[in-house]
Amino acid sequence: MAKKVVKKSSSKSKKTTPKGSSIDKLIDSNITLQHKMTDVLLGVKELNENVSSLVTIFKSAGEHIKADKYEDPMINRLNELLEQNKNLARALGMLEKYVRDKQTNTNPLQTSNTPY
C-alpha cells in the first residue's frame, strides 16, 4: 500500500500571524510603557533631590534669620541715618539751650543800661 500524504492546511499559521502581530504590538507597547515609567521615575527622583536641596536652603536661611545674623545693607544704612538724626537732634537741642541762655543773660544787661 502506498502511503497517503496529508498536508495540513495553513489555517493555523494564518491564525497565529494575526495573534502574533497583536502580541508583538502588545509587547512593544509594554516595553515602551516601561521606558516611559523609568523616565518618569528618574524625573521624580531628580525633582525629589531638588526639593530636598530647597528645603535645606530654607532651613539654613531660617536659622540664619533666627540667629539675628541677617544684615540687609539697606537696614544698616537706615540705622546709621537714624543715629545721625539722633545726634543732630541732640546738637540742635544744645544749640537752642545755648541761644536761650545767651538771650536771657543779654536781656537784663540791655534793660539796665537804659536810662529810663
PDB file of N, CA and C in Angstrom:
ATOM      1  N   MET A   1       0.800  -1.147   0.000  1.00  0.00           N
ATOM      2  CA  MET A   1       0.000   0.000   0.000  1.00  0.00           C
ATOM      3  C   MET A   1       0.863   1.236   0.000  1.00  0.00           C
ATOM      4  N   ALA A   2       0.369   2.158  -0.677  1.00  0.00           N
ATOM      5  CA  ALA A   2       1.101   3.407  -0.774  1.00  0.00           C
ATOM      6  C   ALA A   2       0.678   4.319   0.363  1.00  0.00           C
ATOM      7  N   LYS A   3       1.679   5.049   0.853  1.00  0.00           N
ATOM      8  CA  LYS A   3       1.406   5.971   1.953  1.00  0.00           C
ATOM      9  C   LYS A   3       0.663   7.178   1.421  1.00  0.00           C
ATOM     10  N   LYS A   4      -0.271   7.518   2.176  1.00  0.00           N
ATOM     11  CA  LYS A   4      -1.057   8.675   1.807  1.00  0.00           C
ATOM     12  C   LYS A   4      -0.467   9.880   2.542  1.00  0.00           C
ATOM     13  N   VAL A   5      -0.099  10.896   1.828  1.00  0.00           N
ATOM     14  CA  VAL A   5       0.486  12.103   2.422  1.00  0.00           C
ATOM     15  C   VAL A   5      -0.634  13.114   2.576  1.00  0.00           C
ATOM     16  N   VAL A   6      -0.777  13.539   3.789  1.00  0.00           N
ATOM     17  CA  VAL A   6      -1.813  14.530   4.085  1.00  0.00           C
ATOM     18  C   VAL A   6      -1.119  15.836   4.442  1.00  0.00           C
ATOM     19  N   LYS A   7      -1.481  16.818   3.736  1.00  0.00           N
ATOM     20  CA  LYS A   7      -0.936  18.140   4.047  1.00  0.00           C
ATOM     21  C   LYS A   7      -1.929  18.859   4.935  1.00  0.00           C
ATOM     22  N   LYS A   8      -1.349  19.431   5.957  1.00  0.00           N
ATOM     23  CA  LYS A   8      -2.202  20.205   6.855  1.00  0.00           C
ATOM     24  C   LYS A   8      -2.424  21.573   6.231  1.00  0.00           C
ATOM     25  N   SER A   9      -3.590  22.030   6.451  1.00  0.00           N
ATOM     26  CA  SER A   9      -3.893  23.346   5.892  1.00  0.00           C
ATOM     27  C   SER A   9      -3.157  24.423   6.684  1.00  0.00           C
ATOM     28  N   SER A  10      -2.928  25.482   6.057  1.00  0.00           N
ATOM     29  CA  SER A  10      -2.175  26.569   6.676  1.00  0.00           C
ATOM     30  C   SER A  10      -3.093  27.517   7.445  1.00  0.00           C
ATOM     31  N   SER A  11      -4.239  27.035   7.832  1.00  0.00           N
ATOM     32  CA  SER A  11      -5.187  27.866   8.563  1.00  0.00           C
ATOM     33  C   SER A  11      -4.635  28.229   9.942  1.00  0.00           C
ATOM     34  N   LYS A  12      -3.850  27.309  10.536  1.00  0.00           N
ATOM     35  CA  LYS A  12      -3.279  27.608  11.845  1.00  0.00           C
ATOM     36  C   LYS A  12      -2.252  28.724  11.722  1.00  0.00           C
ATOM     37  N   SER A  13      -1.465  28.671  10.670  1.00  0.00           N
ATOM     38  CA  SER A  13      -0.440  29.703  10.508  1.00  0.00           C
ATOM     39  C   SER A  13      -1.085  31.063  10.257  1.00  0.00           C
ATOM     40  N   LYS A  14      -2.194  31.083   9.580  1.00  0.00           N
ATOM     41  CA  LYS A  14      -2.901  32.337   9.374  1.00  0.00           C
ATOM     42  C   LYS A  14      -3.461  32.849  10.686  1.00  0.00           C
ATOM     43  N   LYS A  15      -3.910  31.919  11.537  1.00  0.00           N
ATOM     44  CA  LYS A  15      -4.455  32.341  12.821  1.00  0.00           C
ATOM     45  C   LYS A  15      -3.340  32.854  13.730  1.00  0.00           C
ATOM     46  N   THR A  16      -2.165  32.272  13.699  1.00  0.00           N
ATOM     47  CA  THR A  16      -1.082  32.695  14.577  1.00  0.00           C
ATOM     48  C   THR A  16      -0.500  34.032  14.131  1.00  0.00           C
ATOM     49  N   THR A  17      -0.552  34.324  12.868  1.00  0.00           N
ATOM     50  CA  THR A  17       0.011  35.579  12.390  1.00  0.00           C
ATOM     51  C   THR A  17      -0.738  36.778  12.950  1.00  0.00           C
ATOM     52  N   PRO A  18      -2.064  36.812  12.882  1.00  0.00           N
ATOM     53  CA  PRO A  18      -2.744  37.959  13.483  1.00  0.00           C
ATOM     54  C   PRO A  18      -2.534  38.001  14.997  1.00  0.00           C
ATOM     55  N   LYS A  19      -2.587  36.827  15.635  1.00  0.00           N
ATOM     56  CA  LYS A  19      -2.363  36.816  17.079  1.00  0.00           C
ATOM     57  C   LYS A  19      -0.931  37.223  17.373  1.00  0.00           C
ATOM     58  N   GLY A  20      -0.022  36.743  16.567  1.00  0.00           N
ATOM     59  CA  GLY A  20       1.388  37.069  16.761  1.00  0.00           C
ATOM     60  C   GLY A  20       1.644  38.556  16.593  1.00  0.00           C
ATOM     61  N   SER A  21       1.022  39.167  15.614  1.00  0.00           N
ATOM     62  CA  SER A  21       1.242  40.596  15.399  1.00  0.00           C
ATOM     63  C   SER A  21       0.626  41.413  16.531  1.00  0.00           C
ATOM     64  N   SER A  22      -0.522  41.015  17.030  1.00  0.00           N
ATOM     65  CA  SER A  22      -1.122  41.746  18.150  1.00  0.00           C
ATOM     66  C   SER A  22      -0.323  41.524  19.427  1.00  0.00           C
ATOM     67  N   ILE A  23       0.231  40.324  19.580  1.00  0.00           N
ATOM     68  CA  ILE A  23       1.078  40.056  20.746  1.00  0.00           C
ATOM     69  C   ILE A  23       2.361  40.872  20.640  1.00  0.00           C
ATOM     70  N   ASP A  24       2.915  40.939  19.421  1.00  0.00           N
ATOM     71  CA  ASP A  24       4.115  41.748  19.221  1.00  0.00           C
ATOM     72  C   ASP A  24       3.839  43.224  19.524  1.00  0.00           C
ATOM     73  N   LYS A  25       2.686  43.698  19.082  1.00  0.00           N
ATOM     74  CA  LYS A  25       2.312  45.082  19.362  1.00  0.00           C
ATOM     75  C   LYS A  25       2.153  45.307  20.862  1.00  0.00           C
ATOM     76  N   LEU A  26       1.544  44.344  21.530  1.00  0.00           N
ATOM     77  CA  LEU A  26       1.355  44.437  22.973  1.00  0.00           C
ATOM     78  C   LEU A  26       2.700  44.454  23.692  1.00  0.00           C
ATOM     79  N   ILE A  27       3.607  43.595  23.258  1.00  0.00           N
ATOM     80  CA  ILE A  27       4.948  43.549  23.869  1.00  0.00           C
ATOM     81  C   ILE A  27       5.682  44.865  23.622  1.00  0.00           C
ATOM     82  N   ASP A  28       5.593  45.375  22.391  1.00  0.00           N
ATOM     83  CA  ASP A  28       6.252  46.645  22.076  1.00  0.00           C
ATOM     84  C   ASP A  28       5.685  47.791  22.914  1.00  0.00           C
ATOM     85  N   SER A  29       4.361  47.833  23.027  1.00  0.00           N
ATOM     86  CA  SER A  29       3.757  48.911  23.817  1.00  0.00           C
ATOM     87  C   SER A  29       4.100  48.765  25.298  1.00  0.00           C
ATOM     88  N   ASN A  30       4.204  47.521  25.773  1.00  0.00           N
ATOM     89  CA  ASN A  30       4.582  47.283  27.165  1.00  0.00           C
ATOM     90  C   ASN A  30       6.016  47.755  27.418  1.00  0.00           C
ATOM     91  N   ILE A  31       6.903  47.451  26.467  1.00  0.00           N
ATOM     92  CA  ILE A  31       8.301  47.895  26.602  1.00  0.00           C
ATOM     93  C   ILE A  31       8.380  49.420  26.571  1.00  0.00           C
ATOM     94  N   THR A  32       7.628  50.031  25.665  1.00  0.00           N
ATOM     95  CA  THR A  32       7.600  51.491  25.586  1.00  0.00           C
ATOM     96  C   THR A  32       7.069  52.089  26.881  1.00  0.00           C
ATOM     97  N   LEU A  33       6.024  51.470  27.425  1.00  0.00           N
ATOM     98  CA  LEU A  33       5.453  51.928  28.689  1.00  0.00           C
ATOM     99  C   LEU A  33       6.473  51.824  29.820  1.00  0.00           C
ATOM    100  N   GLN A  34       7.225  50.733  29.833  1.00  0.00           N
ATOM    101  CA  GLN A  34       8.247  50.569  30.865  1.00  0.00           C
ATOM    102  C   GLN A  34       9.331  51.640  30.738  1.00  0.00           C
ATOM    103  N   HIS A  35       9.707  51.971  29.506  1.00  0.00           N
ATOM    104  CA  HIS A  35      10.696  53.029  29.301  1.00  0.00           C
ATOM    105  C   HIS A  35      10.162  54.375  29.802  1.00  0.00           C
ATOM    106  N   LYS A  36       8.903  54.642  29.489  1.00  0.00           N
ATOM    107  CA  LYS A  36       8.298  55.902  29.928  1.00  0.00           C
ATOM    108  C   LYS A  36       8.195  55.949  31.448  1.00  0.00           C
ATOM    109  N   MET A  37       7.829  54.830  32.061  1.00  0.00           N
ATOM    110  CA  MET A  37       7.743  54.782  33.522  1.00  0.00           C
ATOM    111  C   MET A  37       9.119  55.000  34.147  1.00  0.00           C
ATOM    112  N   THR A  38      10.149  54.442  33.526  1.00  0.00           N
ATOM    113  CA  THR A  38      11.513  54.650  34.011  1.00  0.00           C
ATOM    114  C   THR A  38      11.891  56.123  33.910  1.00  0.00           C
ATOM    115  N   ASP A  39      11.544  56.755  32.784  1.00  0.00           N
ATOM    116  CA  ASP A  39      11.821  58.183  32.623  1.00  0.00           C
ATOM    117  C   ASP A  39      11.099  59.007  33.687  1.00  0.00           C
ATOM    118  N   VAL A  40       9.836  58.663  33.941  1.00  0.00           N
ATOM    119  CA  VAL A  40       9.062  59.377  34.956  1.00  0.00           C
ATOM    120  C   VAL A  40       9.684  59.187  36.333  1.00  0.00           C
ATOM    121  N   LEU A  41      10.081  57.969  36.654  1.00  0.00           N
ATOM    122  CA  LEU A  41      10.695  57.708  37.956  1.00  0.00           C
ATOM    123  C   LEU A  41      12.001  58.473  38.119  1.00  0.00           C
ATOM    124  N   LEU A  42      12.805  58.528  37.060  1.00  0.00           N
ATOM    125  CA  LEU A  42      14.046  59.294  37.130  1.00  0.00           C
ATOM    126  C   LEU A  42      13.760  60.788  37.316  1.00  0.00           C
ATOM    127  N   GLY A  43      12.736  61.275  36.622  1.00  0.00           N
ATOM    128  CA  GLY A  43      12.340  62.678  36.780  1.00  0.00           C
ATOM    129  C   GLY A  43      11.857  62.972  38.186  1.00  0.00           C
ATOM    130  N   VAL A  44      11.069  62.060  38.748  1.00  0.00           N
ATOM    131  CA  VAL A  44      10.574  62.237  40.115  1.00  0.00           C
ATOM    132  C   VAL A  44      11.735  62.203  41.106  1.00  0.00           C
ATOM    133  N   LYS A  45      12.697  61.329  40.860  1.00  0.00           N
ATOM    134  CA  LYS A  45      13.870  61.250  41.743  1.00  0.00           C
ATOM    135  C   LYS A  45      14.648  62.561  41.706  1.00  0.00           C
ATOM    136  N   GLU A  46      14.866  63.100  40.511  1.00  0.00           N
ATOM    137  CA  GLU A  46      15.585  64.370  40.377  1.00  0.00           C
ATOM    138  C   GLU A  46      14.810  65.508  41.038  1.00  0.00           C
ATOM    139  N   LEU A  47      13.494  65.512  40.843  1.00  0.00           N
ATOM    140  CA  LEU A  47      12.649  66.521  41.466  1.00  0.00           C
ATOM    141  C   LEU A  47      12.719  66.427  42.980  1.00  0.00           C
ATOM    142  N   ASN A  48      12.704  65.216  43.499  1.00  0.00           N
ATOM    143  CA  ASN A  48      12.797  64.998  44.940  1.00  0.00           C
ATOM    144  C   ASN A  48      14.114  65.543  45.485  1.00  0.00           C
ATOM    145  N   GLU A  49      15.208  65.308  44.760  1.00  0.00           N
ATOM    146  CA  GLU A  49      16.512  65.822  45.187  1.00  0.00           C
ATOM    147  C   GLU A  49      16.525  67.348  45.176  1.00  0.00           C
ATOM    148  N   ASN A  50      15.928  67.948  44.142  1.00  0.00           N
ATOM    149  CA  ASN A  50      15.879  69.405  44.060  1.00  0.00           C
ATOM    150  C   ASN A  50      15.045  69.998  45.191  1.00  0.00           C
ATOM    151  N   VAL A  51      13.901  69.396  45.471  1.00  0.00           N
ATOM    152  CA  VAL A  51      13.054  69.880  46.563  1.00  0.00           C
ATOM    153  C   VAL A  51      13.773  69.721  47.895  1.00  0.00           C
ATOM    154  N   SER A  52      14.479  68.624  48.047  1.00  0.00           N
ATOM    155  CA  SER A  52      15.238  68.401  49.272  1.00  0.00           C
ATOM    156  C   SER A  52      16.307  69.471  49.454  1.00  0.00           C
ATOM    157  N   SER A  53      16.996  69.828  48.381  1.00  0.00           N
ATOM    158  CA  SER A  53      18.015  70.879  48.492  1.00  0.00           C
ATOM    159  C   SER A  53      17.376  72.234  48.787  1.00  0.00           C
ATOM    160  N   LEU A  54      16.199  72.503  48.220  1.00  0.00           N
ATOM    161  CA  LEU A  54      15.490  73.746  48.525  1.00  0.00           C
ATOM    162  C   LEU A  54      15.084  73.807  49.990  1.00  0.00           C
ATOM    163  N   VAL A  55      14.606  72.691  50.519  1.00  0.00           N
ATOM    164  CA  VAL A  55      14.226  72.645  51.930  1.00  0.00           C
ATOM    165  C   VAL A  55      15.443  72.921  52.804  1.00  0.00           C
ATOM    166  N   THR A  56      16.579  72.366  52.432  1.00  0.00           N
ATOM    167  CA  THR A  56      17.812  72.607  53.184  1.00  0.00           C
ATOM    168  C   THR A  56      18.185  74.085  53.149  1.00  0.00           C
ATOM    169  N   ILE A  57      18.059  74.694  51.989  1.00  0.00           N
ATOM    170  CA  ILE A  57      18.370  76.124  51.863  1.00  0.00           C
ATOM    171  C   ILE A  57      17.433  76.951  52.731  1.00  0.00           C
ATOM    172  N   PHE A  58      16.130  76.641  52.696  1.00  0.00           N
ATOM    173  CA  PHE A  58      15.172  77.393  53.500  1.00  0.00           C
ATOM    174  C   PHE A  58      15.415  77.196  54.993  1.00  0.00           C
ATOM    175  N   LYS A  59      15.796  75.989  55.394  1.00  0.00           N
ATOM    176  CA  LYS A  59      16.093  75.744  56.805  1.00  0.00           C
ATOM    177  C   LYS A  59      17.285  76.568  57.259  1.00  0.00           C
ATOM    178  N   SER A  60      18.335  76.574  56.458  1.00  0.00           N
ATOM    179  CA  SER A  60      19.523  77.342  56.850  1.00  0.00           C
ATOM    180  C   SER A  60      19.217  78.841  56.866  1.00  0.00           C
ATOM    181  N   ALA A  61      18.396  79.309  55.931  1.00  0.00           N
ATOM    182  CA  ALA A  61      18.016  80.726  55.925  1.00  0.00           C
ATOM    183  C   ALA A  61      17.200  81.066  57.167  1.00  0.00           C
ATOM    184  N   GLY A  62      16.298  80.176  57.556  1.00  0.00           N
ATOM    185  CA  GLY A  62      15.508  80.398  58.763  1.00  0.00           C
ATOM    186  C   GLY A  62      16.371  80.440  60.008  1.00  0.00           C
ATOM    187  N   GLU A  63      17.332  79.533  60.096  1.00  0.00           N
ATOM    188  CA  GLU A  63      18.237  79.531  61.246  1.00  0.00           C
ATOM    189  C   GLU A  63      19.097  80.787  61.249  1.00  0.00           C
ATOM    190  N   HIS A  64      19.498  81.216  60.080  1.00  0.00           N
ATOM    191  CA  HIS A  64      20.322  82.416  59.964  1.00  0.00           C
ATOM    192  C   HIS A  64      19.545  83.644  60.443  1.00  0.00           C
ATOM    193  N   ILE A  65      18.279  83.728  60.064  1.00  0.00           N
ATOM    194  CA  ILE A  65      17.453  84.860  60.478  1.00  0.00           C
ATOM    195  C   ILE A  65      17.166  84.787  61.973  1.00  0.00           C
ATOM    196  N   LYS A  66      16.923  83.586  62.496  1.00  0.00           N
ATOM    197  CA  LYS A  66      16.668  83.439  63.930  1.00  0.00           C
ATOM    198  C   LYS A  66      17.871  83.874  64.754  1.00  0.00           C
ATOM    199  N   ALA A  67      19.054  83.636  64.247  1.00  0.00           N
ATOM    200  CA  ALA A  67      20.275  83.975  64.979  1.00  0.00           C
ATOM    201  C   ALA A  67      20.612  85.465  64.855  1.00  0.00           C
ATOM    202  N   ASP A  68      19.755  86.240  64.217  1.00  0.00           N
ATOM    203  CA  ASP A  68      19.959  87.677  64.013  1.00  0.00           C
ATOM    204  C   ASP A  68      21.248  87.975  63.261  1.00  0.00           C
ATOM    205  N   LYS A  69      21.648  87.094  62.421  1.00  0.00           N
ATOM    206  CA  LYS A  69      22.828  87.317  61.604  1.00  0.00           C
ATOM    207  C   LYS A  69      22.449  87.923  60.259  1.00  0.00           C
ATOM    208  N   TYR A  70      21.164  88.106  60.064  1.00  0.00           N
ATOM    209  CA  TYR A  70      20.694  88.637  58.789  1.00  0.00           C
ATOM    210  C   TYR A  70      20.905  90.142  58.796  1.00  0.00           C
ATOM    211  N   GLU A  71      21.757  90.619  57.935  1.00  0.00           N
ATOM    212  CA  GLU A  71      22.041  92.040  57.858  1.00  0.00           C
ATOM    213  C   GLU A  71      21.818  92.517  56.433  1.00  0.00           C
ATOM    214  N   ASP A  72      20.789  93.286  56.297  1.00  0.00           N
ATOM    215  CA  ASP A  72      20.490  93.857  54.992  1.00  0.00           C
ATOM    216  C   ASP A  72      21.227  95.192  54.888  1.00  0.00           C
ATOM    217  N   PRO A  73      21.922  95.447  53.805  1.00  0.00           N
ATOM    218  CA  PRO A  73      22.647  96.718  53.683  1.00  0.00           C
ATOM    219  C   PRO A  73      21.734  97.937  53.827  1.00  0.00           C
ATOM    220  N   MET A  74      20.512  97.819  53.331  1.00  0.00           N
ATOM    221  CA  MET A  74      19.579  98.934  53.441  1.00  0.00           C
ATOM    222  C   MET A  74      19.213  99.172  54.905  1.00  0.00           C
ATOM    223  N   ILE A  75      19.010  98.113  55.662  1.00  0.00           N
ATOM    224  CA  ILE A  75      18.677  98.253  57.080  1.00  0.00           C
ATOM    225  C   ILE A  75      19.847  98.879  57.819  1.00  0.00           C
ATOM    226  N   ASN A  76      21.061  98.452  57.499  1.00  0.00           N
ATOM    227  CA  ASN A  76      22.241  99.035  58.137  1.00  0.00           C
ATOM    228  C   ASN A  76      22.349 100.528  57.835  1.00  0.00           C
ATOM    229  N   ARG A  77      22.112 100.898  56.606  1.00  0.00           N
ATOM    230  CA  ARG A  77      22.188 102.312  56.227  1.00  0.00           C
ATOM    231  C   ARG A  77      21.109 103.117  56.939  1.00  0.00           C
ATOM    232  N   LEU A  78      19.903 102.569  57.042  1.00  0.00           N
ATOM    233  CA  LEU A  78      18.831 103.270  57.751  1.00  0.00           C
ATOM    234  C   LEU A  78      19.169 103.439  59.227  1.00  0.00           C
ATOM    235  N   ASN A  79      19.777 102.425  59.832  1.00  0.00           N
ATOM    236  CA  ASN A  79      20.186 102.540  61.233  1.00  0.00           C
ATOM    237  C   ASN A  79      21.250 103.620  61.411  1.00  0.00           C
ATOM    238  N   GLU A  80      22.190 103.709  60.479  1.00  0.00           N
ATOM    239  CA  GLU A  80      23.205 104.763  60.533  1.00  0.00           C
ATOM    240  C   GLU A  80      22.565 106.141  60.430  1.00  0.00           C
ATOM    241  N   LEU A  81      21.611 106.291  59.506  1.00  0.00           N
ATOM    242  CA  LEU A  81      20.919 107.573  59.358  1.00  0.00           C
ATOM    243  C   LEU A  81      20.124 107.924  60.604  1.00  0.00           C
ATOM    244  N   LEU A  82      19.533 106.928  61.238  1.00  0.00           N
ATOM    245  CA  LEU A  82      18.786 107.162  62.472  1.00  0.00           C
ATOM    246  C   LEU A  82      19.712 107.678  63.570  1.00  0.00           C
ATOM    247  N   GLU A  83      20.883 107.086  63.698  1.00  0.00           N
ATOM    248  CA  GLU A  83      21.857 107.545  64.693  1.00  0.00           C
ATOM    249  C   GLU A  83      22.317 108.967  64.380  1.00  0.00           C
ATOM    250  N   GLN A  84      22.548 109.270  63.114  1.00  0.00           N
ATOM    251  CA  GLN A  84      22.952 110.622  62.732  1.00  0.00           C
ATOM    252  C   GLN A  84      21.858 111.628  63.070  1.00  0.00           C
ATOM    253  N   ASN A  85      20.600 111.254  62.815  1.00  0.00           N
ATOM    254  CA  ASN A  85      19.481 112.141  63.135  1.00  0.00           C
ATOM    255  C   ASN A  85      19.379 112.379  64.635  1.00  0.00           C
ATOM    256  N   LYS A  86      19.616 111.336  65.431  1.00  0.00           N
ATOM    257  CA  LYS A  86      19.582 111.500  66.888  1.00  0.00           C
ATOM    258  C   LYS A  86      20.672 112.464  67.336  1.00  0.00           C
ATOM    259  N   ASN A  87      21.870 112.303  66.776  1.00  0.00           N
ATOM    260  CA  ASN A  87      22.977 113.198  67.135  1.00  0.00           C
ATOM    261  C   ASN A  87      22.682 114.639  66.727  1.00  0.00           C
ATOM    262  N   LEU A  88      22.119 114.816  65.541  1.00  0.00           N
ATOM    263  CA  LEU A  88      21.759 116.164  65.093  1.00  0.00           C
ATOM    264  C   LEU A  88      20.685 116.774  65.987  1.00  0.00           C
ATOM    265  N   ALA A  89      19.711 115.976  66.388  1.00  0.00           N
ATOM    266  CA  ALA A  89      18.654 116.481  67.265  1.00  0.00           C
ATOM    267  C   ALA A  89      19.237 116.907  68.611  1.00  0.00           C
ATOM    268  N   ARG A  90      20.161 116.117  69.166  1.00  0.00           N
ATOM    269  CA  ARG A  90      20.807 116.494  70.433  1.00  0.00           C
ATOM    270  C   ARG A  90      21.593 117.797  70.270  1.00  0.00           C
ATOM    271  N   ALA A  91      22.335 117.888  69.163  1.00  0.00           N
ATOM    272  CA  ALA A  91      23.140 119.092  68.929  1.00  0.00           C
ATOM    273  C   ALA A  91      22.255 120.318  68.766  1.00  0.00           C
ATOM    274  N   LEU A  92      21.157 120.185  68.036  1.00  0.00           N
ATOM    275  CA  LEU A  92      20.236 121.316  67.870  1.00  0.00           C
ATOM    276  C   LEU A  92      19.597 121.701  69.196  1.00  0.00           C
ATOM    277  N   GLY A  93      19.288 120.704  70.018  1.00  0.00           N
ATOM    278  CA  GLY A  93      18.735 120.995  71.346  1.00  0.00           C
ATOM    279  C   GLY A  93      19.732 121.744  72.208  1.00  0.00           C
ATOM    280  N   MET A  94      20.987 121.341  72.160  1.00  0.00           N
ATOM    281  CA  MET A  94      22.027 122.033  72.927  1.00  0.00           C
ATOM    282  C   MET A  94      22.234 123.458  72.405  1.00  0.00           C
ATOM    283  N   LEU A  95      22.200 123.625  71.079  1.00  0.00           N
ATOM    284  CA  LEU A  95      22.350 124.949  70.486  1.00  0.00           C
ATOM    285  C   LEU A  95      21.195 125.857  70.892  1.00  0.00           C
ATOM    286  N   GLU A  96      19.987 125.315  70.880  1.00  0.00           N
ATOM    287  CA  GLU A  96      18.820 126.093  71.285  1.00  0.00           C
ATOM    288  C   GLU A  96      18.950 126.529  72.744  1.00  0.00           C
ATOM    289  N   LYS A  97      19.388 125.625  73.585  1.00  0.00           N
ATOM    290  CA  LYS A  97      19.564 125.938  75.004  1.00  0.00           C
ATOM    291  C   LYS A  97      20.621 127.032  75.171  1.00  0.00           C
ATOM    292  N   TYR A  98      21.700 126.937  74.426  1.00  0.00           N
ATOM    293  CA  TYR A  98      22.766 127.933  74.483  1.00  0.00           C
ATOM    294  C   TYR A  98      22.250 129.303  74.057  1.00  0.00           C
ATOM    295  N   VAL A  99      21.493 129.331  72.949  1.00  0.00           N
ATOM    296  CA  VAL A  99      20.960 130.598  72.444  1.00  0.00           C
ATOM    297  C   VAL A  99      19.990 131.195  73.450  1.00  0.00           C
ATOM    298  N   ARG A 100      19.150 130.393  74.068  1.00  0.00           N
ATOM    299  CA  ARG A 100      18.195 130.904  75.065  1.00  0.00           C
ATOM    300  C   ARG A 100      18.933 131.453  76.283  1.00  0.00           C
ATOM    301  N   ASP A 101      19.951 130.725  76.711  1.00  0.00           N
ATOM    302  CA  ASP A 101      20.731 131.207  77.853  1.00  0.00           C
ATOM    303  C   ASP A 101      21.415 132.531  77.520  1.00  0.00           C
ATOM    304  N   LYS A 102      21.923 132.662  76.334  1.00  0.00           N
ATOM    305  CA  LYS A 102      22.564 133.905  75.907  1.00  0.00           C
ATOM    306  C   LYS A 102      21.565 135.052  75.885  1.00  0.00           C
ATOM    307  N   GLN A 103      20.365 134.775  75.390  1.00  0.00           N
ATOM    308  CA  GLN A 103      19.350 135.822  75.304  1.00  0.00           C
ATOM    309  C   GLN A 103      18.922 136.269  76.698  1.00  0.00           C
ATOM    310  N   THR A 104      18.757 135.335  77.609  1.00  0.00           N
ATOM    311  CA  THR A 104      18.339 135.717  78.961  1.00  0.00           C
ATOM    312  C   THR A 104      19.459 136.461  79.676  1.00  0.00           C
ATOM    313  N   ASN A 105      20.693 136.118  79.421  1.00  0.00           N
ATOM    314  CA  ASN A 105      21.810 136.833  80.032  1.00  0.00           C
ATOM    315  C   ASN A 105      21.996 138.209  79.400  1.00  0.00           C
ATOM    316  N   THR A 106      21.702 138.360  78.156  1.00  0.00           N
ATOM    317  CA  THR A 106      21.889 139.620  77.457  1.00  0.00           C
ATOM    318  C   THR A 106      20.736 140.571  77.721  1.00  0.00           C
ATOM    319  N   ASN A 107      19.547 140.119  77.868  1.00  0.00           N
ATOM    320  CA  ASN A 107      18.375 140.965  78.069  1.00  0.00           C
ATOM    321  C   ASN A 107      18.461 141.777  79.362  1.00  0.00           C
ATOM    322  N   PRO A 108      18.843 141.245  80.508  1.00  0.00           N
ATOM    323  CA  PRO A 108      18.915 142.088  81.712  1.00  0.00           C
ATOM    324  C   PRO A 108      19.961 143.192  81.568  1.00  0.00           C
ATOM    325  N   LEU A 109      21.009 142.943  80.891  1.00  0.00           N
ATOM    326  CA  LEU A 109      22.019 143.972  80.709  1.00  0.00           C
ATOM    327  C   LEU A 109      21.498 145.099  79.840  1.00  0.00           C
ATOM    328  N   GLN A 110      20.752 144.769  78.836  1.00  0.00           N
ATOM    329  CA  GLN A 110      20.218 145.788  77.948  1.00  0.00           C
ATOM    330  C   GLN A 110      19.189 146.645  78.674  1.00  0.00           C
ATOM    331  N   THR A 111      18.372 146.055  79.503  1.00  0.00           N
ATOM    332  CA  THR A 111      17.360 146.831  80.219  1.00  0.00           C
ATOM    333  C   THR A 111      17.994 147.686  81.306  1.00  0.00           C
ATOM    334  N   SER A 112      19.075 147.228  81.918  1.00  0.00           N
ATOM    335  CA  SER A 112      19.719 148.012  82.970  1.00  0.00           C
ATOM    336  C   SER A 112      20.534 149.163  82.398  1.00  0.00           C
ATOM    337  N   ASN A 113      20.954 149.085  81.182  1.00  0.00           N
ATOM    338  CA  ASN A 113      21.738 150.137  80.557  1.00  0.00           C
ATOM    339  C   ASN A 113      20.867 151.300  80.080  1.00  0.00           C
ATOM    340  N   THR A 114      19.608 151.123  79.997  1.00  0.00           N
ATOM    341  CA  THR A 114      18.740 152.194  79.523  1.00  0.00           C
ATOM    342  C   THR A 114      18.492 153.191  80.661  1.00  0.00           C
ATOM    343  N   PRO A 115      18.504 154.471  80.392  1.00  0.00           N
ATOM    344  CA  PRO A 115      18.337 155.469  81.444  1.00  0.00           C
ATOM    345  C   PRO A 115      16.895 155.725  81.850  1.00  0.00           C
ATOM    346  N   TYR A 116      15.971 154.986  81.563  1.00  0.00           N
ATOM    347  CA  TYR A 116      14.568 155.238  81.886  1.00  0.00           C
ATOM    348  C   TYR A 116      14.301 154.951  83.278  1.00  0.00           C
TER     349      TYR A 116
END
